[in-house]
Amino acid sequence: MGTGIVSILLHNLPYNGTSIYWISVVIFAFNVFLFVLFTLISAARYTLFRGIWTIMLNHPTQSLFLGSSPIENLLDITDGG
């Protein structure tokens, strides 16, 4: 999530040149790549190890992870990175 704000800050600099623009595009693409990678890893975890879903739901601290995923998805969509 920190890479998204870096690409936005570089893109919105007042002395924005073509090199800074392309650096911000590369950082934004890296952010999208990381988001897709970790989403696929999480999906693979729950499909390969089906019993882990119920164990995670019953765990007092690991179940809090479920709230972070929708928030991250909404932040990536609304903020653009």
N, C-alpha and C. Protein backbone atom coordinates (compact mmCIF):
# COMPACT_ATOMS: atom_id res chain seq x y z
N MET A 1 0.82 -1.19 0.00
CA MET A 1 0.00 0.00 0.00
C MET A 1 0.86 1.25 0.00
N GLY A 2 2.08 1.16 0.51
CA GLY A 2 2.95 2.32 0.48
C GLY A 2 3.46 2.65 -0.91
N THR A 3 3.53 1.67 -1.80
CA THR A 3 3.98 1.94 -3.15
C THR A 3 2.96 2.74 -3.93
N GLY A 4 1.69 2.61 -3.59
CA GLY A 4 0.64 3.37 -4.28
C GLY A 4 0.75 4.85 -4.02
N ILE A 5 1.02 5.23 -2.79
CA ILE A 5 1.11 6.66 -2.47
C ILE A 5 2.37 7.25 -3.08
N VAL A 6 3.42 6.47 -3.21
CA VAL A 6 4.65 6.97 -3.84
C VAL A 6 4.40 7.30 -5.30
N SER A 7 3.66 6.43 -6.01
CA SER A 7 3.38 6.71 -7.42
C SER A 7 2.47 7.92 -7.57
N ILE A 8 1.52 8.10 -6.66
CA ILE A 8 0.63 9.27 -6.73
C ILE A 8 1.41 10.55 -6.44
N LEU A 9 2.29 10.52 -5.44
CA LEU A 9 3.09 11.70 -5.12
C LEU A 9 4.03 12.08 -6.26
N LEU A 10 4.67 11.09 -6.87
CA LEU A 10 5.55 11.39 -7.99
C LEU A 10 4.77 11.96 -9.17
N HIS A 11 3.58 11.44 -9.40
CA HIS A 11 2.78 11.92 -10.53
C HIS A 11 2.29 13.35 -10.30
N ASN A 12 2.04 13.74 -9.06
CA ASN A 12 1.49 15.05 -8.75
C ASN A 12 2.54 16.10 -8.38
N LEU A 13 3.80 15.81 -8.60
CA LEU A 13 4.84 16.80 -8.31
C LEU A 13 4.67 18.01 -9.24
N PRO A 14 4.92 19.22 -8.73
CA PRO A 14 4.75 20.39 -9.59
C PRO A 14 5.77 20.48 -10.72
N TYR A 15 6.96 19.96 -10.52
CA TYR A 15 8.00 19.97 -11.57
C TYR A 15 8.03 18.60 -12.24
N ASN A 16 6.88 18.19 -12.72
CA ASN A 16 6.70 16.86 -13.28
C ASN A 16 7.30 16.78 -14.68
N GLY A 17 8.27 15.91 -14.84
CA GLY A 17 8.88 15.68 -16.14
C GLY A 17 8.50 14.32 -16.68
N THR A 18 8.95 14.02 -17.87
CA THR A 18 8.59 12.74 -18.47
C THR A 18 9.24 11.57 -17.74
N SER A 19 10.44 11.77 -17.22
CA SER A 19 11.09 10.67 -16.49
C SER A 19 10.38 10.37 -15.18
N ILE A 20 9.95 11.42 -14.47
CA ILE A 20 9.22 11.22 -13.22
C ILE A 20 7.87 10.56 -13.49
N TYR A 21 7.24 10.93 -14.61
CA TYR A 21 5.97 10.31 -14.97
C TYR A 21 6.14 8.80 -15.18
N TRP A 22 7.17 8.42 -15.92
CA TRP A 22 7.36 6.99 -16.19
C TRP A 22 7.79 6.22 -14.96
N ILE A 23 8.53 6.87 -14.07
CA ILE A 23 8.88 6.21 -12.80
C ILE A 23 7.61 5.97 -11.98
N SER A 24 6.70 6.95 -11.97
CA SER A 24 5.44 6.75 -11.23
C SER A 24 4.59 5.67 -11.87
N VAL A 25 4.62 5.55 -13.20
CA VAL A 25 3.87 4.49 -13.88
C VAL A 25 4.45 3.12 -13.52
N VAL A 26 5.77 3.01 -13.47
CA VAL A 26 6.41 1.74 -13.12
C VAL A 26 6.08 1.36 -11.68
N ILE A 27 6.12 2.32 -10.76
CA ILE A 27 5.81 2.04 -9.36
C ILE A 27 4.34 1.64 -9.22
N PHE A 28 3.45 2.31 -9.96
CA PHE A 28 2.04 1.95 -9.92
C PHE A 28 1.81 0.55 -10.47
N ALA A 29 2.49 0.19 -11.56
CA ALA A 29 2.36 -1.15 -12.12
C ALA A 29 2.89 -2.20 -11.15
N PHE A 30 3.96 -1.87 -10.44
CA PHE A 30 4.50 -2.76 -9.42
C PHE A 30 3.48 -2.96 -8.30
N ASN A 31 2.79 -1.89 -7.91
CA ASN A 31 1.76 -1.97 -6.88
C ASN A 31 0.62 -2.87 -7.33
N VAL A 32 0.19 -2.75 -8.57
CA VAL A 32 -0.88 -3.60 -9.09
C VAL A 32 -0.41 -5.05 -9.14
N PHE A 33 0.84 -5.27 -9.55
CA PHE A 33 1.40 -6.62 -9.59
C PHE A 33 1.40 -7.25 -8.20
N LEU A 34 1.85 -6.51 -7.19
CA LEU A 34 1.87 -7.04 -5.82
C LEU A 34 0.47 -7.35 -5.33
N PHE A 35 -0.49 -6.48 -5.64
CA PHE A 35 -1.86 -6.71 -5.22
C PHE A 35 -2.42 -7.98 -5.83
N VAL A 36 -2.22 -8.17 -7.13
CA VAL A 36 -2.72 -9.37 -7.80
C VAL A 36 -2.00 -10.61 -7.29
N LEU A 37 -0.70 -10.52 -7.08
CA LEU A 37 0.08 -11.65 -6.60
C LEU A 37 -0.42 -12.12 -5.24
N PHE A 38 -0.58 -11.18 -4.29
CA PHE A 38 -1.00 -11.57 -2.95
C PHE A 38 -2.46 -12.00 -2.90
N THR A 39 -3.29 -11.48 -3.80
CA THR A 39 -4.67 -11.96 -3.89
C THR A 39 -4.69 -13.40 -4.39
N LEU A 40 -3.88 -13.71 -5.38
CA LEU A 40 -3.81 -15.08 -5.89
C LEU A 40 -3.22 -16.03 -4.86
N ILE A 41 -2.23 -15.58 -4.12
CA ILE A 41 -1.65 -16.44 -3.08
C ILE A 41 -2.68 -16.74 -2.00
N SER A 42 -3.46 -15.74 -1.60
CA SER A 42 -4.50 -15.97 -0.60
C SER A 42 -5.58 -16.91 -1.12
N ALA A 43 -5.98 -16.72 -2.38
CA ALA A 43 -7.00 -17.60 -2.96
C ALA A 43 -6.47 -19.03 -3.07
N ALA A 44 -5.21 -19.18 -3.44
CA ALA A 44 -4.61 -20.52 -3.54
C ALA A 44 -4.53 -21.18 -2.17
N ARG A 45 -4.26 -20.41 -1.14
CA ARG A 45 -4.16 -20.95 0.21
C ARG A 45 -5.49 -21.55 0.65
N TYR A 46 -6.57 -20.83 0.37
CA TYR A 46 -7.87 -21.31 0.83
C TYR A 46 -8.44 -22.40 -0.07
N THR A 47 -8.00 -22.50 -1.30
CA THR A 47 -8.48 -23.59 -2.15
C THR A 47 -7.66 -24.87 -1.96
N LEU A 48 -6.37 -24.73 -1.71
CA LEU A 48 -5.54 -25.92 -1.52
C LEU A 48 -5.73 -26.54 -0.14
N PHE A 49 -5.89 -25.69 0.86
CA PHE A 49 -6.05 -26.17 2.23
C PHE A 49 -7.44 -25.76 2.72
N ARG A 50 -8.45 -26.56 2.37
CA ARG A 50 -9.83 -26.19 2.64
C ARG A 50 -10.16 -26.14 4.13
N GLY A 51 -9.50 -26.94 4.93
CA GLY A 51 -9.77 -26.96 6.36
C GLY A 51 -9.28 -25.72 7.09
N ILE A 52 -8.39 -24.98 6.46
CA ILE A 52 -7.81 -23.82 7.12
C ILE A 52 -8.82 -22.68 7.26
N TRP A 53 -9.84 -22.65 6.41
CA TRP A 53 -10.83 -21.57 6.45
C TRP A 53 -11.59 -21.58 7.77
N THR A 54 -12.08 -22.74 8.19
CA THR A 54 -12.84 -22.80 9.45
C THR A 54 -11.93 -22.60 10.65
N ILE A 55 -10.70 -23.07 10.57
CA ILE A 55 -9.75 -22.85 11.66
C ILE A 55 -9.46 -21.36 11.81
N MET A 56 -9.29 -20.67 10.68
CA MET A 56 -9.01 -19.24 10.74
C MET A 56 -10.21 -18.46 11.27
N LEU A 57 -11.41 -18.85 10.89
CA LEU A 57 -12.60 -18.14 11.37
C LEU A 57 -12.77 -18.27 12.89
N ASN A 58 -12.36 -19.38 13.45
CA ASN A 58 -12.51 -19.60 14.89
C ASN A 58 -11.35 -19.04 15.70
N HIS A 59 -10.27 -18.66 15.07
CA HIS A 59 -9.11 -18.11 15.79
C HIS A 59 -9.37 -16.66 16.16
N PRO A 60 -9.03 -16.24 17.39
CA PRO A 60 -9.38 -14.88 17.83
C PRO A 60 -8.64 -13.77 17.10
N THR A 61 -7.41 -13.99 16.67
CA THR A 61 -6.68 -12.90 16.01
C THR A 61 -6.58 -13.09 14.49
N GLN A 62 -6.50 -14.31 14.01
CA GLN A 62 -6.39 -14.52 12.57
C GLN A 62 -7.68 -14.17 11.84
N SER A 63 -8.81 -14.23 12.52
CA SER A 63 -10.07 -13.88 11.86
C SER A 63 -10.15 -12.38 11.57
N LEU A 64 -9.33 -11.58 12.22
CA LEU A 64 -9.31 -10.14 11.95
C LEU A 64 -8.73 -9.85 10.57
N PHE A 65 -8.03 -10.80 9.98
CA PHE A 65 -7.48 -10.64 8.63
C PHE A 65 -8.58 -10.45 7.59
N LEU A 66 -9.74 -11.02 7.84
CA LEU A 66 -10.84 -10.93 6.88
C LEU A 66 -11.31 -9.49 6.67
N GLY A 67 -11.18 -8.64 7.67
CA GLY A 67 -11.58 -7.25 7.52
C GLY A 67 -10.59 -6.42 6.72
N SER A 68 -9.36 -6.84 6.66
CA SER A 68 -8.35 -6.05 5.95
C SER A 68 -8.43 -6.23 4.44
N SER A 69 -8.87 -7.36 3.99
CA SER A 69 -8.91 -7.62 2.55
C SER A 69 -9.91 -6.73 1.81
N PRO A 70 -11.18 -6.60 2.26
CA PRO A 70 -12.09 -5.70 1.55
C PRO A 70 -11.66 -4.24 1.61
N ILE A 71 -11.08 -3.83 2.72
CA ILE A 71 -10.62 -2.45 2.85
C ILE A 71 -9.49 -2.19 1.85
N GLU A 72 -8.58 -3.13 1.71
CA GLU A 72 -7.49 -2.96 0.75
C GLU A 72 -8.02 -2.91 -0.68
N ASN A 73 -8.99 -3.75 -0.97
CA ASN A 73 -9.58 -3.73 -2.31
C ASN A 73 -10.24 -2.39 -2.60
N LEU A 74 -10.99 -1.87 -1.66
CA LEU A 74 -11.65 -0.58 -1.87
C LEU A 74 -10.65 0.56 -1.98
N LEU A 75 -9.60 0.53 -1.18
CA LEU A 75 -8.59 1.58 -1.26
C LEU A 75 -7.86 1.56 -2.60
N ASP A 76 -7.55 0.38 -3.09
CA ASP A 76 -6.88 0.29 -4.39
C ASP A 76 -7.78 0.76 -5.51
N ILE A 77 -9.08 0.51 -5.41
CA ILE A 77 -9.99 0.92 -6.46
C ILE A 77 -10.26 2.42 -6.41
N THR A 78 -10.54 2.96 -5.22
CA THR A 78 -10.93 4.37 -5.11
C THR A 78 -9.76 5.32 -5.22
N ASP A 79 -8.60 4.96 -4.66
CA ASP A 79 -7.45 5.85 -4.68
C ASP A 79 -6.60 5.69 -5.93
N GLY A 80 -6.81 4.66 -6.67
CA GLY A 80 -6.02 4.43 -7.88
C GLY A 80 -4.65 3.92 -7.58
N GLY A 81 -4.46 3.24 -6.49
CA GLY A 81 -3.17 2.67 -6.18
C GLY A 81 -2.95 2.69 -4.74
